[in-house]
C-alpha atoms as a PDB file:
ATOM      1  CA  MET A   1     -26.870  44.117 -12.075  1.00  0.00           C
ATOM      2  CA  SER A   2     -29.576  46.257 -10.495  1.00  0.00           C
ATOM      3  CA  LEU A   3     -28.848  48.833  -7.866  1.00  0.00           C
ATOM      4  CA  GLN A   4     -30.746  46.651  -5.319  1.00  0.00           C
ATOM      5  CA  ASP A   5     -28.544  43.643  -6.221  1.00  0.00           C
ATOM      6  CA  ARG A   6     -25.440  45.767  -5.771  1.00  0.00           C
ATOM      7  CA  MET A   7     -26.621  47.118  -2.444  1.00  0.00           C
ATOM      8  CA  ASP A   8     -27.434  43.602  -1.246  1.00  0.00           C
ATOM      9  CA  GLU A   9     -23.960  42.419  -2.233  1.00  0.00           C
ATOM     10  CA  PHE A  10     -22.321  45.339  -0.510  1.00  0.00           C
ATOM     11  CA  LYS A  11     -24.283  44.698   2.649  1.00  0.00           C
ATOM     12  CA  LYS A  12     -23.382  40.988   2.563  1.00  0.00           C
ATOM     13  CA  ASN A  13     -19.664  41.713   2.101  1.00  0.00           C
ATOM     14  CA  PHE A  14     -19.784  44.401   4.876  1.00  0.00           C
ATOM     15  CA  GLU A  15     -21.395  42.065   7.318  1.00  0.00           C
ATOM     16  CA  THR A  16     -18.720  39.369   6.737  1.00  0.00           C
ATOM     17  CA  GLN A  17     -16.036  41.954   7.708  1.00  0.00           C
ATOM     18  CA  ALA A  18     -17.640  44.105  10.408  1.00  0.00           C
ATOM     19  CA  PRO A  19     -17.137  43.430  14.151  1.00  0.00           C
ATOM     20  CA  GLU A  20     -19.886  41.444  15.665  1.00  0.00           C
ATOM     21  CA  GLU A  21     -20.566  44.144  18.274  1.00  0.00           C
ATOM     22  CA  ALA A  22     -21.074  46.733  15.566  1.00  0.00           C
ATOM     23  CA  LEU A  23     -23.484  44.520  13.699  1.00  0.00           C
ATOM     24  CA  GLU A  24     -25.501  43.896  16.791  1.00  0.00           C
ATOM     25  CA  VAL A  25     -25.825  47.661  17.392  1.00  0.00           C
ATOM     26  CA  MET A  26     -26.679  48.259  13.789  1.00  0.00           C
ATOM     27  CA  HIS A  27     -29.374  45.570  13.670  1.00  0.00           C
ATOM     28  CA  ARG A  28     -30.910  46.526  17.007  1.00  0.00           C
ATOM     29  CA  THR A  29     -31.041  50.205  15.978  1.00  0.00           C
ATOM     30  CA  THR A  30     -32.551  49.417  12.584  1.00  0.00           C
ATOM     31  CA  GLU A  31     -35.298  47.405  14.377  1.00  0.00           C
ATOM     32  CA  GLN A  32     -35.940  50.256  16.822  1.00  0.00           C
ATOM     33  CA  LEU A  33     -36.310  52.715  13.937  1.00  0.00           C
ATOM     34  CA  LYS A  34     -38.776  50.388  12.116  1.00  0.00           C
ATOM     35  CA  GLU A  35     -40.830  49.920  15.248  1.00  0.00           C
ATOM     36  CA  SER A  36     -40.939  53.635  15.905  1.00  0.00           C
ATOM     37  CA  GLY A  37     -42.944  54.262  12.771  1.00  0.00           C
ATOM     38  CA  ILE A  38     -40.497  56.906  11.467  1.00  0.00           C
ATOM     39  CA  ALA A  39     -40.540  55.376   7.973  1.00  0.00           C
ATOM     40  CA  GLU A  40     -44.194  56.281   7.601  1.00  0.00           C
ATOM     41  CA  HIS A  41     -43.175  59.947   7.767  1.00  0.00           C
ATOM     42  CA  ALA A  42     -40.072  59.712   5.594  1.00  0.00           C
ATOM     43  CA  VAL A  43     -39.688  61.288   2.193  1.00  0.00           C
ATOM     44  CA  LYS A  44     -40.426  58.701  -0.512  1.00  0.00           C
ATOM     45  CA  PRO A  45     -38.886  58.369  -3.991  1.00  0.00           C
ATOM     46  CA  GLY A  46     -40.571  60.826  -6.226  1.00  0.00           C
ATOM     47  CA  ASP A  47     -41.670  63.178  -3.451  1.00  0.00           C
ATOM     48  CA  GLN A  48     -40.854  66.816  -3.930  1.00  0.00           C
ATOM     49  CA  ALA A  49     -38.262  68.094  -1.562  1.00  0.00           C
ATOM     50  CA  PRO A  50     -38.855  71.477   0.158  1.00  0.00           C
ATOM     51  CA  GLY A  51     -36.550  74.285  -0.895  1.00  0.00           C
ATOM     52  CA  PHE A  52     -33.571  74.802   1.318  1.00  0.00           C
ATOM     53  CA  ALA A  53     -30.254  76.721   1.608  1.00  0.00           C
ATOM     54  CA  LEU A  54     -27.257  75.189   3.325  1.00  0.00           C
ATOM     55  CA  LYS A  55     -23.540  75.908   3.627  1.00  0.00           C
ATOM     56  CA  ASP A  56     -21.109  73.747   1.689  1.00  0.00           C
ATOM     57  CA  THR A  57     -17.770  72.690   2.980  1.00  0.00           C
ATOM     58  CA  GLU A  58     -16.258  76.025   1.980  1.00  0.00           C
ATOM     59  CA  GLY A  59     -18.923  78.120   3.725  1.00  0.00           C
ATOM     60  CA  ASN A  60     -20.785  79.041   0.493  1.00  0.00           C
ATOM     61  CA  THR A  61     -24.583  78.989   0.487  1.00  0.00           C
ATOM     62  CA  VAL A  62     -26.033  76.218  -1.765  1.00  0.00           C
ATOM     63  CA  THR A  63     -29.739  76.211  -2.575  1.00  0.00           C
ATOM     64  CA  LEU A  64     -31.790  73.280  -3.873  1.00  0.00           C
ATOM     65  CA  ASN A  65     -33.182  75.518  -6.671  1.00  0.00           C
ATOM     66  CA  GLY A  66     -29.592  76.458  -7.661  1.00  0.00           C
ATOM     67  CA  LEU A  67     -28.619  72.829  -7.822  1.00  0.00           C
ATOM     68  CA  LEU A  68     -31.715  71.848  -9.864  1.00  0.00           C
ATOM     69  CA  ALA A  69     -30.862  74.571 -12.383  1.00  0.00           C
ATOM     70  CA  ARG A  70     -27.718  72.521 -13.180  1.00  0.00           C
ATOM     71  CA  GLY A  71     -29.560  69.245 -13.418  1.00  0.00           C
ATOM     72  CA  PRO A  72     -31.032  66.355 -11.322  1.00  0.00           C
ATOM     73  CA  VAL A  73     -30.213  66.289  -7.652  1.00  0.00           C
ATOM     74  CA  VAL A  74     -29.807  63.266  -5.369  1.00  0.00           C
ATOM     75  CA  LEU A  75     -30.280  63.956  -1.642  1.00  0.00           C
ATOM     76  CA  GLY A  76     -28.764  61.729   0.978  1.00  0.00           C
ATOM     77  CA  PHE A  77     -30.137  61.876   4.578  1.00  0.00           C
ATOM     78  CA  TYR A  78     -27.995  60.762   7.493  1.00  0.00           C
ATOM     79  CA  ARG A  79     -29.347  60.132  10.958  1.00  0.00           C
ATOM     80  CA  GLY A  80     -26.719  60.067  13.608  1.00  0.00           C
ATOM     81  CA  LYS A  81     -24.557  61.923  16.065  1.00  0.00           C
ATOM     82  CA  TRP A  82     -21.678  64.045  14.647  1.00  0.00           C
END
């Protein structure tokens, strides 16, 4: 099963269990983001990420170059309020 198939299955299962109000907000917000054109400026698969340094959960500085020295890196981007 491909990753896309697994993601589609996860979404389908999630949407059968999530509250209707939450789904409405998620779908509306997704449409607003699409209409904003933000995806045109997003990092695409294969793009080179800029170097960065961030604190981990223990307050230690972690750099992209340091992580790459240990092997491939997968970056996840979250948009939202914390």
